[in-house]
C-alpha atoms as a PDB file:
ATOM      1  CA  UNK A   1      92.565  37.115  65.105  1.00  0.00           C
ATOM      2  CA  UNK A   2      91.159  37.535  68.285  1.00  0.00           C
ATOM      3  CA  UNK A   3      92.498  39.371  71.102  1.00  0.00           C
ATOM      4  CA  UNK A   4      90.577  38.944  74.303  1.00  0.00           C
ATOM      5  CA  UNK A   5      90.859  42.348  76.850  1.00  0.00           C
ATOM      6  CA  UNK A   6      89.634  40.819  80.237  1.00  0.00           C
ATOM      7  CA  UNK A   7      92.153  42.550  82.233  1.00  0.00           C
ATOM      8  CA  UNK A   8      91.655  46.008  83.480  1.00  0.00           C
ATOM      9  CA  UNK A   9      88.603  48.197  82.921  1.00  0.00           C
ATOM     10  CA  UNK A  10      90.381  51.179  81.155  1.00  0.00           C
ATOM     11  CA  UNK A  11      90.166  49.680  77.805  1.00  0.00           C
ATOM     12  CA  UNK A  12      86.481  49.147  77.358  1.00  0.00           C
ATOM     13  CA  UNK A  13      85.865  52.509  79.077  1.00  0.00           C
ATOM     14  CA  UNK A  14      88.417  54.171  76.281  1.00  0.00           C
ATOM     15  CA  UNK A  15      86.788  52.387  73.374  1.00  0.00           C
ATOM     16  CA  UNK A  16      83.060  53.315  74.683  1.00  0.00           C
ATOM     17  CA  UNK A  17      83.888  56.869  74.981  1.00  0.00           C
ATOM     18  CA  UNK A  18      85.962  56.887  71.738  1.00  0.00           C
ATOM     19  CA  UNK A  19      83.008  55.340  69.613  1.00  0.00           C
ATOM     20  CA  UNK A  20      80.360  57.701  71.506  1.00  0.00           C
ATOM     21  CA  UNK A  21      82.790  60.639  70.603  1.00  0.00           C
ATOM     22  CA  UNK A  22      82.762  59.641  66.916  1.00  0.00           C
ATOM     23  CA  UNK A  23      78.993  58.978  66.965  1.00  0.00           C
ATOM     24  CA  UNK A  24      78.164  62.464  68.252  1.00  0.00           C
ATOM     25  CA  UNK A  25      80.275  64.074  65.605  1.00  0.00           C
ATOM     26  CA  UNK A  26      78.703  62.016  62.964  1.00  0.00           C
ATOM     27  CA  UNK A  27      75.441  63.013  64.253  1.00  0.00           C
ATOM     28  CA  UNK A  28      76.025  66.690  65.198  1.00  0.00           C
ATOM     29  CA  UNK A  29      73.233  68.045  63.185  1.00  0.00           C
ATOM     30  CA  UNK A  30      70.008  66.576  63.354  1.00  0.00           C
ATOM     31  CA  UNK A  31      68.759  65.306  59.976  1.00  0.00           C
ATOM     32  CA  UNK A  32      65.531  67.254  58.193  1.00  0.00           C
ATOM     33  CA  UNK A  33      63.991  63.726  57.341  1.00  0.00           C
ATOM     34  CA  UNK A  34      64.835  60.345  57.658  1.00  0.00           C
ATOM     35  CA  UNK A  35      67.158  58.278  55.078  1.00  0.00           C
ATOM     36  CA  UNK A  36      65.652  54.697  55.439  1.00  0.00           C
ATOM     37  CA  UNK A  37      61.965  54.011  55.667  1.00  0.00           C
ATOM     38  CA  UNK A  38      60.664  50.462  56.606  1.00  0.00           C
ATOM     39  CA  UNK A  39      56.761  50.230  55.821  1.00  0.00           C
ATOM     40  CA  UNK A  40      55.282  47.036  56.957  1.00  0.00           C
ATOM     41  CA  UNK A  41      52.464  46.872  54.192  1.00  0.00           C
ATOM     42  CA  UNK A  42      51.006  43.574  56.217  1.00  0.00           C
ATOM     43  CA  UNK A  43      52.078  41.632  59.256  1.00  0.00           C
ATOM     44  CA  UNK A  44      50.352  38.735  58.186  1.00  0.00           C
ATOM     45  CA  UNK A  45      52.431  35.651  57.068  1.00  0.00           C
ATOM     46  CA  UNK A  46      51.940  32.018  55.400  1.00  0.00           C
ATOM     47  CA  UNK A  47      54.661  30.475  57.329  1.00  0.00           C
ATOM     48  CA  UNK A  48      56.088  30.018  60.580  1.00  0.00           C
ATOM     49  CA  UNK A  49      59.829  30.491  60.321  1.00  0.00           C
ATOM     50  CA  UNK A  50      61.893  29.440  63.369  1.00  0.00           C
ATOM     51  CA  UNK A  51      63.975  32.422  63.615  1.00  0.00           C
ATOM     52  CA  UNK A  52      61.150  34.644  63.094  1.00  0.00           C
ATOM     53  CA  UNK A  53      59.646  36.599  66.176  1.00  0.00           C
ATOM     54  CA  UNK A  54      56.046  36.577  65.034  1.00  0.00           C
ATOM     55  CA  UNK A  55      55.143  33.736  67.577  1.00  0.00           C
ATOM     56  CA  UNK A  56      55.712  36.295  70.341  1.00  0.00           C
ATOM     57  CA  UNK A  57      54.091  39.514  68.618  1.00  0.00           C
ATOM     58  CA  UNK A  58      51.014  40.816  70.506  1.00  0.00           C
ATOM     59  CA  UNK A  59      49.808  43.140  67.421  1.00  0.00           C
ATOM     60  CA  UNK A  60      46.730  42.581  65.535  1.00  0.00           C
ATOM     61  CA  UNK A  61      47.217  40.814  61.997  1.00  0.00           C
ATOM     62  CA  UNK A  62      46.264  43.433  59.550  1.00  0.00           C
ATOM     63  CA  UNK A  63      47.054  45.103  55.797  1.00  0.00           C
ATOM     64  CA  UNK A  64      47.768  48.529  55.706  1.00  0.00           C
ATOM     65  CA  UNK A  65      44.906  50.508  54.338  1.00  0.00           C
ATOM     66  CA  UNK A  66      45.785  51.718  50.678  1.00  0.00           C
ATOM     67  CA  UNK A  67      44.798  55.242  51.360  1.00  0.00           C
ATOM     68  CA  UNK A  68      46.929  55.676  54.275  1.00  0.00           C
ATOM     69  CA  UNK A  69      49.660  54.418  52.294  1.00  0.00           C
ATOM     70  CA  UNK A  70      49.259  56.920  49.374  1.00  0.00           C
ATOM     71  CA  UNK A  71      49.273  59.550  52.042  1.00  0.00           C
ATOM     72  CA  UNK A  72      52.457  58.396  53.124  1.00  0.00           C
ATOM     73  CA  UNK A  73      53.884  57.759  49.765  1.00  0.00           C
ATOM     74  CA  UNK A  74      53.100  61.469  48.817  1.00  0.00           C
ATOM     75  CA  UNK A  75      54.987  62.886  51.771  1.00  0.00           C
ATOM     76  CA  UNK A  76      57.882  60.623  50.813  1.00  0.00           C
ATOM     77  CA  UNK A  77      57.848  61.845  47.267  1.00  0.00           C
ATOM     78  CA  UNK A  78      57.965  65.528  48.519  1.00  0.00           C
ATOM     79  CA  UNK A  79      60.948  64.629  50.440  1.00  0.00           C
ATOM     80  CA  UNK A  80      62.760  62.422  47.900  1.00  0.00           C
ATOM     81  CA  UNK A  81      65.995  64.106  48.054  1.00  0.00           C
ATOM     82  CA  UNK A  82      66.398  62.846  51.611  1.00  0.00           C
ATOM     83  CA  UNK A  83      65.779  59.372  51.021  1.00  0.00           C
ATOM     84  CA  UNK A  84      68.045  56.371  50.302  1.00  0.00           C
ATOM     85  CA  UNK A  85      65.497  53.571  50.059  1.00  0.00           C
ATOM     86  CA  UNK A  86      62.022  52.308  51.166  1.00  0.00           C
ATOM     87  CA  UNK A  87      61.446  48.890  52.188  1.00  0.00           C
ATOM     88  CA  UNK A  88      57.716  47.323  51.946  1.00  0.00           C
ATOM     89  CA  UNK A  89      58.433  44.805  54.420  1.00  0.00           C
ATOM     90  CA  UNK A  90      58.765  43.938  58.084  1.00  0.00           C
ATOM     91  CA  UNK A  91      56.929  41.054  59.961  1.00  0.00           C
ATOM     92  CA  UNK A  92      54.547  39.800  57.283  1.00  0.00           C
ATOM     93  CA  UNK A  93      54.679  38.391  53.519  1.00  0.00           C
ATOM     94  CA  UNK A  94      54.517  41.527  51.228  1.00  0.00           C
ATOM     95  CA  UNK A  95      52.829  39.597  48.565  1.00  0.00           C
ATOM     96  CA  UNK A  96      49.816  38.837  50.854  1.00  0.00           C
ATOM     97  CA  UNK A  97      48.607  42.280  50.312  1.00  0.00           C
ATOM     98  CA  UNK A  98      45.972  42.483  47.347  1.00  0.00           C
ATOM     99  CA  UNK A  99      47.024  46.247  46.597  1.00  0.00           C
ATOM    100  CA  UNK A 100      51.140  45.723  46.805  1.00  0.00           C
ATOM    101  CA  UNK A 101      51.725  46.184  42.932  1.00  0.00           C
ATOM    102  CA  UNK A 102      49.630  49.327  43.226  1.00  0.00           C
ATOM    103  CA  UNK A 103      51.728  50.506  46.230  1.00  0.00           C
ATOM    104  CA  UNK A 104      55.053  49.979  44.403  1.00  0.00           C
ATOM    105  CA  UNK A 105      53.710  51.679  41.242  1.00  0.00           C
ATOM    106  CA  UNK A 106      52.379  54.697  43.379  1.00  0.00           C
ATOM    107  CA  UNK A 107      55.739  55.108  44.886  1.00  0.00           C
ATOM    108  CA  UNK A 108      57.494  55.129  41.646  1.00  0.00           C
ATOM    109  CA  UNK A 109      55.079  57.704  40.374  1.00  0.00           C
ATOM    110  CA  UNK A 110      55.832  59.831  43.534  1.00  0.00           C
ATOM    111  CA  UNK A 111      59.349  59.636  42.751  1.00  0.00           C
ATOM    112  CA  UNK A 112      60.681  57.488  45.356  1.00  0.00           C
ATOM    113  CA  UNK A 113      64.236  56.600  44.139  1.00  0.00           C
ATOM    114  CA  UNK A 114      64.829  53.054  45.404  1.00  0.00           C
ATOM    115  CA  UNK A 115      61.750  50.729  46.439  1.00  0.00           C
ATOM    116  CA  UNK A 116      62.401  47.320  47.600  1.00  0.00           C
ATOM    117  CA  UNK A 117      60.804  44.503  49.394  1.00  0.00           C
ATOM    118  CA  UNK A 118      61.624  40.887  50.773  1.00  0.00           C
ATOM    119  CA  UNK A 119      59.600  37.697  49.941  1.00  0.00           C
ATOM    120  CA  UNK A 120      59.673  33.959  51.069  1.00  0.00           C
ATOM    121  CA  UNK A 121      58.833  33.432  47.588  1.00  0.00           C
ATOM    122  CA  UNK A 122      55.951  30.760  48.139  1.00  0.00           C
ATOM    123  CA  UNK A 123      53.599  33.100  46.215  1.00  0.00           C
ATOM    124  CA  UNK A 124      56.265  34.034  43.365  1.00  0.00           C
ATOM    125  CA  UNK A 125      54.432  32.417  40.421  1.00  0.00           C
ATOM    126  CA  UNK A 126      54.811  33.672  36.621  1.00  0.00           C
ATOM    127  CA  UNK A 127      51.818  36.036  36.869  1.00  0.00           C
ATOM    128  CA  UNK A 128      52.969  37.552  40.209  1.00  0.00           C
ATOM    129  CA  UNK A 129      56.765  37.783  38.718  1.00  0.00           C
ATOM    130  CA  UNK A 130      55.446  39.596  35.712  1.00  0.00           C
ATOM    131  CA  UNK A 131      53.362  42.068  37.993  1.00  0.00           C
ATOM    132  CA  UNK A 132      56.730  42.764  40.167  1.00  0.00           C
ATOM    133  CA  UNK A 133      58.522  43.577  37.214  1.00  0.00           C
ATOM    134  CA  UNK A 134      56.028  45.692  35.530  1.00  0.00           C
ATOM    135  CA  UNK A 135      55.255  47.804  38.838  1.00  0.00           C
ATOM    136  CA  UNK A 136      58.935  49.317  38.704  1.00  0.00           C
ATOM    137  CA  UNK A 137      60.301  47.710  41.724  1.00  0.00           C
ATOM    138  CA  UNK A 138      63.850  48.422  42.139  1.00  0.00           C
ATOM    139  CA  UNK A 139      65.147  45.423  44.085  1.00  0.00           C
ATOM    140  CA  UNK A 140      63.906  42.342  45.443  1.00  0.00           C
ATOM    141  CA  UNK A 141      65.346  40.080  48.289  1.00  0.00           C
ATOM    142  CA  UNK A 142      64.374  36.730  47.962  1.00  0.00           C
ATOM    143  CA  UNK A 143      64.728  34.495  51.157  1.00  0.00           C
ATOM    144  CA  UNK A 144      65.348  30.908  50.766  1.00  0.00           C
ATOM    145  CA  UNK A 145      67.016  29.410  54.034  1.00  0.00           C
ATOM    146  CA  UNK A 146      68.512  26.257  52.793  1.00  0.00           C
ATOM    147  CA  UNK A 147      70.089  24.241  49.789  1.00  0.00           C
ATOM    148  CA  UNK A 148      68.038  21.012  50.202  1.00  0.00           C
ATOM    149  CA  UNK A 149      64.410  20.149  51.137  1.00  0.00           C
ATOM    150  CA  UNK A 150      65.331  18.600  54.444  1.00  0.00           C
ATOM    151  CA  UNK A 151      67.028  21.808  55.611  1.00  0.00           C
ATOM    152  CA  UNK A 152      64.471  24.141  54.211  1.00  0.00           C
ATOM    153  CA  UNK A 153      61.739  22.444  55.830  1.00  0.00           C
ATOM    154  CA  UNK A 154      63.056  22.676  59.124  1.00  0.00           C
ATOM    155  CA  UNK A 155      63.280  26.432  59.077  1.00  0.00           C
ATOM    156  CA  UNK A 156      60.538  27.660  56.919  1.00  0.00           C
ATOM    157  CA  UNK A 157      57.754  25.736  58.524  1.00  0.00           C
ATOM    158  CA  UNK A 158      54.828  25.241  55.929  1.00  0.00           C
ATOM    159  CA  UNK A 159      56.751  26.077  53.135  1.00  0.00           C
ATOM    160  CA  UNK A 160      57.600  23.819  49.947  1.00  0.00           C
ATOM    161  CA  UNK A 161      61.217  23.821  49.100  1.00  0.00           C
ATOM    162  CA  UNK A 162      60.484  22.619  45.550  1.00  0.00           C
ATOM    163  CA  UNK A 163      58.016  25.171  44.784  1.00  0.00           C
ATOM    164  CA  UNK A 164      59.919  28.025  46.115  1.00  0.00           C
ATOM    165  CA  UNK A 165      62.830  26.987  43.974  1.00  0.00           C
ATOM    166  CA  UNK A 166      60.753  26.510  40.980  1.00  0.00           C
ATOM    167  CA  UNK A 167      59.279  30.134  41.579  1.00  0.00           C
ATOM    168  CA  UNK A 168      62.486  31.656  41.717  1.00  0.00           C
ATOM    169  CA  UNK A 169      63.553  30.187  38.423  1.00  0.00           C
ATOM    170  CA  UNK A 170      60.460  31.480  37.011  1.00  0.00           C
ATOM    171  CA  UNK A 171      61.226  34.910  38.182  1.00  0.00           C
ATOM    172  CA  UNK A 172      64.628  34.902  36.473  1.00  0.00           C
ATOM    173  CA  UNK A 173      63.531  33.586  33.541  1.00  0.00           C
ATOM    174  CA  UNK A 174      60.233  36.051  33.279  1.00  0.00           C
ATOM    175  CA  UNK A 175      62.869  38.966  34.297  1.00  0.00           C
ATOM    176  CA  UNK A 176      64.991  37.600  31.033  1.00  0.00           C
ATOM    177  CA  UNK A 177      61.964  37.297  28.869  1.00  0.00           C
ATOM    178  CA  UNK A 178      60.777  40.887  29.546  1.00  0.00           C
ATOM    179  CA  UNK A 179      64.360  42.208  29.032  1.00  0.00           C
ATOM    180  CA  UNK A 180      63.844  43.768  32.204  1.00  0.00           C
ATOM    181  CA  UNK A 181      66.962  45.379  34.203  1.00  0.00           C
ATOM    182  CA  UNK A 182      65.213  45.763  37.420  1.00  0.00           C
ATOM    183  CA  UNK A 183      64.278  44.561  39.746  1.00  0.00           C
ATOM    184  CA  UNK A 184      67.642  43.645  40.948  1.00  0.00           C
ATOM    185  CA  UNK A 185      67.684  40.449  42.998  1.00  0.00           C
ATOM    186  CA  UNK A 186      69.522  39.860  46.379  1.00  0.00           C
ATOM    187  CA  UNK A 187      69.152  36.143  47.004  1.00  0.00           C
ATOM    188  CA  UNK A 188      69.459  35.764  50.761  1.00  0.00           C
ATOM    189  CA  UNK A 189      70.245  32.817  53.291  1.00  0.00           C
ATOM    190  CA  UNK A 190      70.609  33.285  57.160  1.00  0.00           C
ATOM    191  CA  UNK A 191      73.271  31.683  59.077  1.00  0.00           C
ATOM    192  CA  UNK A 192      71.629  29.167  61.476  1.00  0.00           C
ATOM    193  CA  UNK A 193      72.757  25.431  62.848  1.00  0.00           C
ATOM    194  CA  UNK A 194      71.050  24.184  59.964  1.00  0.00           C
ATOM    195  CA  UNK A 195      72.080  26.158  57.169  1.00  0.00           C
ATOM    196  CA  UNK A 196      75.714  26.950  57.955  1.00  0.00           C
ATOM    197  CA  UNK A 197      76.930  23.774  56.102  1.00  0.00           C
ATOM    198  CA  UNK A 198      74.973  24.460  53.095  1.00  0.00           C
ATOM    199  CA  UNK A 199      75.645  28.199  52.463  1.00  0.00           C
ATOM    200  CA  UNK A 200      78.761  27.337  49.805  1.00  0.00           C
ATOM    201  CA  UNK A 201      76.064  24.894  48.077  1.00  0.00           C
ATOM    202  CA  UNK A 202      73.724  27.734  48.195  1.00  0.00           C
ATOM    203  CA  UNK A 203      75.711  30.042  46.617  1.00  0.00           C
ATOM    204  CA  UNK A 204      76.611  27.316  43.750  1.00  0.00           C
ATOM    205  CA  UNK A 205      73.210  26.509  43.181  1.00  0.00           C
ATOM    206  CA  UNK A 206      72.159  30.350  42.310  1.00  0.00           C
ATOM    207  CA  UNK A 207      75.039  31.795  40.926  1.00  0.00           C
ATOM    208  CA  UNK A 208      74.192  30.654  37.473  1.00  0.00           C
ATOM    209  CA  UNK A 209      71.136  32.948  37.553  1.00  0.00           C
ATOM    210  CA  UNK A 210      72.396  35.957  38.857  1.00  0.00           C
ATOM    211  CA  UNK A 211      73.010  38.962  36.413  1.00  0.00           C
ATOM    212  CA  UNK A 212      74.948  42.289  36.852  1.00  0.00           C
ATOM    213  CA  UNK A 213      73.738  43.924  39.815  1.00  0.00           C
ATOM    214  CA  UNK A 214      72.118  40.905  41.778  1.00  0.00           C
ATOM    215  CA  UNK A 215      73.995  39.874  44.813  1.00  0.00           C
ATOM    216  CA  UNK A 216      74.146  37.130  47.636  1.00  0.00           C
ATOM    217  CA  UNK A 217      73.599  37.991  51.141  1.00  0.00           C
ATOM    218  CA  UNK A 218      74.781  35.750  53.835  1.00  0.00           C
ATOM    219  CA  UNK A 219      72.794  37.379  56.875  1.00  0.00           C
ATOM    220  CA  UNK A 220      73.851  37.284  60.379  1.00  0.00           C
ATOM    221  CA  UNK A 221      71.134  37.812  63.108  1.00  0.00           C
ATOM    222  CA  UNK A 222      71.549  38.968  66.732  1.00  0.00           C
ATOM    223  CA  UNK A 223      71.383  37.036  69.993  1.00  0.00           C
ATOM    224  CA  UNK A 224      67.668  37.082  70.678  1.00  0.00           C
ATOM    225  CA  UNK A 225      65.772  34.599  72.697  1.00  0.00           C
ATOM    226  CA  UNK A 226      63.468  33.357  70.027  1.00  0.00           C
ATOM    227  CA  UNK A 227      65.989  32.389  67.535  1.00  0.00           C
ATOM    228  CA  UNK A 228      68.163  29.929  69.503  1.00  0.00           C
ATOM    229  CA  UNK A 229      68.745  28.023  66.474  1.00  0.00           C
ATOM    230  CA  UNK A 230      70.994  30.872  65.073  1.00  0.00           C
ATOM    231  CA  UNK A 231      74.906  30.500  65.147  1.00  0.00           C
ATOM    232  CA  UNK A 232      76.460  32.997  67.489  1.00  0.00           C
ATOM    233  CA  UNK A 233      79.964  33.204  69.068  1.00  0.00           C
ATOM    234  CA  UNK A 234      80.158  33.505  72.712  1.00  0.00           C
ATOM    235  CA  UNK A 235      81.085  37.016  73.559  1.00  0.00           C
ATOM    236  CA  UNK A 236      84.206  37.477  75.730  1.00  0.00           C
ATOM    237  CA  UNK A 237      85.972  40.290  77.395  1.00  0.00           C
ATOM    238  CA  UNK A 238      84.335  43.005  79.409  1.00  0.00           C
ATOM    239  CA  UNK A 239      81.498  44.677  78.031  1.00  0.00           C
ATOM    240  CA  UNK A 240      80.785  48.053  77.276  1.00  0.00           C
ATOM    241  CA  UNK A 241      77.751  50.293  75.952  1.00  0.00           C
ATOM    242  CA  UNK A 242      77.777  52.111  72.668  1.00  0.00           C
ATOM    243  CA  UNK A 243      75.369  53.843  70.578  1.00  0.00           C
ATOM    244  CA  UNK A 244      73.129  52.022  67.964  1.00  0.00           C
ATOM    245  CA  UNK A 245      74.880  52.683  64.456  1.00  0.00           C
ATOM    246  CA  UNK A 246      71.824  51.223  62.605  1.00  0.00           C
ATOM    247  CA  UNK A 247      68.801  53.267  63.316  1.00  0.00           C
ATOM    248  CA  UNK A 248      69.059  56.679  65.262  1.00  0.00           C
ATOM    249  CA  UNK A 249      69.258  59.636  63.073  1.00  0.00           C
ATOM    250  CA  UNK A 250      68.153  57.880  59.884  1.00  0.00           C
ATOM    251  CA  UNK A 251      65.789  55.148  60.229  1.00  0.00           C
ATOM    252  CA  UNK A 252      61.695  55.202  60.770  1.00  0.00           C
ATOM    253  CA  UNK A 253      59.889  52.266  60.660  1.00  0.00           C
ATOM    254  CA  UNK A 254      56.015  52.368  59.839  1.00  0.00           C
ATOM    255  CA  UNK A 255      53.818  49.500  61.053  1.00  0.00           C
ATOM    256  CA  UNK A 256      50.579  48.051  59.331  1.00  0.00           C
ATOM    257  CA  UNK A 257      48.260  50.026  61.392  1.00  0.00           C
ATOM    258  CA  UNK A 258      50.150  53.403  60.712  1.00  0.00           C
ATOM    259  CA  UNK A 259      52.104  53.642  64.027  1.00  0.00           C
ATOM    260  CA  UNK A 260      55.436  54.807  63.714  1.00  0.00           C
ATOM    261  CA  UNK A 261      58.568  53.239  65.712  1.00  0.00           C
ATOM    262  CA  UNK A 262      62.015  53.582  65.929  1.00  0.00           C
ATOM    263  CA  UNK A 263      63.462  50.382  65.115  1.00  0.00           C
ATOM    264  CA  UNK A 264      62.440  47.567  62.735  1.00  0.00           C
ATOM    265  CA  UNK A 265      63.147  44.957  65.595  1.00  0.00           C
ATOM    266  CA  UNK A 266      60.461  46.353  67.393  1.00  0.00           C
ATOM    267  CA  UNK A 267      57.827  43.912  66.465  1.00  0.00           C
ATOM    268  CA  UNK A 268      55.494  44.659  69.622  1.00  0.00           C
ATOM    269  CA  UNK A 269      55.366  48.238  69.027  1.00  0.00           C
ATOM    270  CA  UNK A 270      57.365  49.190  72.263  1.00  0.00           C
ATOM    271  CA  UNK A 271      58.858  52.339  71.208  1.00  0.00           C
ATOM    272  CA  UNK A 272      56.274  54.181  69.265  1.00  0.00           C
ATOM    273  CA  UNK A 273      56.835  57.835  68.329  1.00  0.00           C
ATOM    274  CA  UNK A 274      53.748  58.701  66.348  1.00  0.00           C
ATOM    275  CA  UNK A 275      50.916  57.735  64.253  1.00  0.00           C
ATOM    276  CA  UNK A 276      50.658  58.569  60.203  1.00  0.00           C
ATOM    277  CA  UNK A 277      46.978  58.200  60.465  1.00  0.00           C
ATOM    278  CA  UNK A 278      46.952  61.407  62.490  1.00  0.00           C
ATOM    279  CA  UNK A 279      50.306  63.018  61.829  1.00  0.00           C
ATOM    280  CA  UNK A 280      52.931  63.782  59.110  1.00  0.00           C
ATOM    281  CA  UNK A 281      56.074  62.018  59.049  1.00  0.00           C
ATOM    282  CA  UNK A 282      57.932  65.268  59.257  1.00  0.00           C
ATOM    283  CA  UNK A 283      56.084  66.047  62.512  1.00  0.00           C
ATOM    284  CA  UNK A 284      56.800  62.567  63.803  1.00  0.00           C
ATOM    285  CA  UNK A 285      60.575  62.779  62.866  1.00  0.00           C
ATOM    286  CA  UNK A 286      60.931  66.013  64.846  1.00  0.00           C
ATOM    287  CA  UNK A 287      58.593  65.051  67.907  1.00  0.00           C
ATOM    288  CA  UNK A 288      59.770  64.939  71.229  1.00  0.00           C
ATOM    289  CA  UNK A 289      59.474  61.086  71.273  1.00  0.00           C
ATOM    290  CA  UNK A 290      62.143  60.823  68.614  1.00  0.00           C
ATOM    291  CA  UNK A 291      64.498  63.337  69.618  1.00  0.00           C
ATOM    292  CA  UNK A 292      64.287  61.608  73.171  1.00  0.00           C
ATOM    293  CA  UNK A 293      65.397  58.492  71.635  1.00  0.00           C
ATOM    294  CA  UNK A 294      68.285  59.902  69.741  1.00  0.00           C
ATOM    295  CA  UNK A 295      69.444  61.835  72.708  1.00  0.00           C
ATOM    296  CA  UNK A 296      69.538  58.158  74.645  1.00  0.00           C
ATOM    297  CA  UNK A 297      71.991  57.022  71.788  1.00  0.00           C
ATOM    298  CA  UNK A 298      73.844  60.198  71.803  1.00  0.00           C
ATOM    299  CA  UNK A 299      74.299  59.770  75.591  1.00  0.00           C
ATOM    300  CA  UNK A 300      74.751  55.982  75.306  1.00  0.00           C
ATOM    301  CA  UNK A 301      72.144  56.120  78.411  1.00  0.00           C
ATOM    302  CA  UNK A 302      69.452  53.331  77.664  1.00  0.00           C
ATOM    303  CA  UNK A 303      68.025  53.244  80.943  1.00  0.00           C
ATOM    304  CA  UNK A 304      64.677  54.920  79.557  1.00  0.00           C
ATOM    305  CA  UNK A 305      64.549  52.937  76.621  1.00  0.00           C
ATOM    306  CA  UNK A 306      64.131  49.043  77.510  1.00  0.00           C
ATOM    307  CA  UNK A 307      64.147  48.029  73.645  1.00  0.00           C
ATOM    308  CA  UNK A 308      67.620  49.346  73.356  1.00  0.00           C
ATOM    309  CA  UNK A 309      68.777  48.323  76.789  1.00  0.00           C
ATOM    310  CA  UNK A 310      68.496  44.807  76.362  1.00  0.00           C
ATOM    311  CA  UNK A 311      69.701  45.044  72.646  1.00  0.00           C
ATOM    312  CA  UNK A 312      72.927  43.387  71.585  1.00  0.00           C
ATOM    313  CA  UNK A 313      73.687  46.291  68.922  1.00  0.00           C
ATOM    314  CA  UNK A 314      74.169  48.796  72.150  1.00  0.00           C
ATOM    315  CA  UNK A 315      76.485  46.288  74.046  1.00  0.00           C
ATOM    316  CA  UNK A 316      80.049  45.401  72.764  1.00  0.00           C
ATOM    317  CA  UNK A 317      82.476  43.257  74.324  1.00  0.00           C
ATOM    318  CA  UNK A 318      86.202  43.952  74.619  1.00  0.00           C
ATOM    319  CA  UNK A 319      87.528  41.465  72.209  1.00  0.00           C
ATOM    320  CA  UNK A 320      89.063  41.975  69.138  1.00  0.00           C
ATOM    321  CA  UNK A 321      88.480  40.073  65.977  1.00  0.00           C
ATOM    322  CA  UNK A 322      90.048  41.899  63.426  1.00  0.00           C
ATOM    323  CA  UNK A 323      87.559  41.999  60.612  1.00  0.00           C
ATOM    324  CA  UNK A 324      84.319  42.276  62.797  1.00  0.00           C
ATOM    325  CA  UNK A 325      86.356  45.337  64.554  1.00  0.00           C
ATOM    326  CA  UNK A 326      87.051  46.981  61.421  1.00  0.00           C
ATOM    327  CA  UNK A 327      83.486  46.644  60.039  1.00  0.00           C
ATOM    328  CA  UNK A 328      82.226  47.878  63.497  1.00  0.00           C
ATOM    329  CA  UNK A 329      84.407  51.029  63.035  1.00  0.00           C
ATOM    330  CA  UNK A 330      83.382  51.521  59.433  1.00  0.00           C
ATOM    331  CA  UNK A 331      79.545  51.451  60.021  1.00  0.00           C
ATOM    332  CA  UNK A 332      79.863  53.379  63.310  1.00  0.00           C
ATOM    333  CA  UNK A 333      82.083  56.220  61.956  1.00  0.00           C
ATOM    334  CA  UNK A 334      80.960  56.258  58.310  1.00  0.00           C
ATOM    335  CA  UNK A 335      77.883  54.073  57.812  1.00  0.00           C
ATOM    336  CA  UNK A 336      79.850  51.886  55.207  1.00  0.00           C
ATOM    337  CA  UNK A 337      80.460  48.495  55.472  1.00  0.00           C
ATOM    338  CA  UNK A 338      83.623  46.484  54.314  1.00  0.00           C
ATOM    339  CA  UNK A 339      82.241  43.028  52.997  1.00  0.00           C
END
């Protein structure tokens, strides 16, 4: 059920003010350390997916230095009580890094509670599967867009659908043979023009392989100019600005060269707040740049943050879709999501 609110400007102003007040209450105290960390172990990739912004990425292609990674891991371990999870992926295929398994093992030795990464599954052969499971990884995201070779081929350019399917089945088999509980699996498909007709088939295809703790993720992406193939509803009603419920006050993203940014959507490093090659994570987290970024969200004033100013997460429309509105309130006010 949707109710479009185009008449009068009082309602969007009221909603914006209400959500801003709730945001400020939720983040009244600046946290000691970030809760969620994204580490881009590499920004190299072997595919050219149509929904990925790598085609517009201007950064140098490189792998994170292992010594730098160990430095970061040690500090994360010393602050493990604040951490929710650490993800070892961003704008690249993690399995292209030749020290990935050592990185995972290092983090588990340092006491990181949850370590995960996402893969396009093209390199997920039996030997690699065995190494991943033995490394102590807690969670793996298997990204497969499509339930047929035709659909997959249109999206995951340079990928081989049959090889990917066999690789995933091999991973499930190896995990069973090794009698391992971890890593838990999230098998993912993105809603796009090409995939929307195959989502149910996709779920039926992979349901028999999932064990307790595994799940599906039907991923919705935002309205960005590089992903014109995405299925996005037209927004109706008067717009109003809100803080982002995803990143301020809890997230820090570390790029392959060691620079830290505020957001995992910052693929061109527009909002760098520090450099882990010369600074500690704690110093970066409490730096003036990081505080300025959070203050911009606490005031819903993005005039000095172009990255956030053009992002759909900070612009809502006065239209009520009951489920979407309820989820938005949950995420904004409590950080939870009703899926």
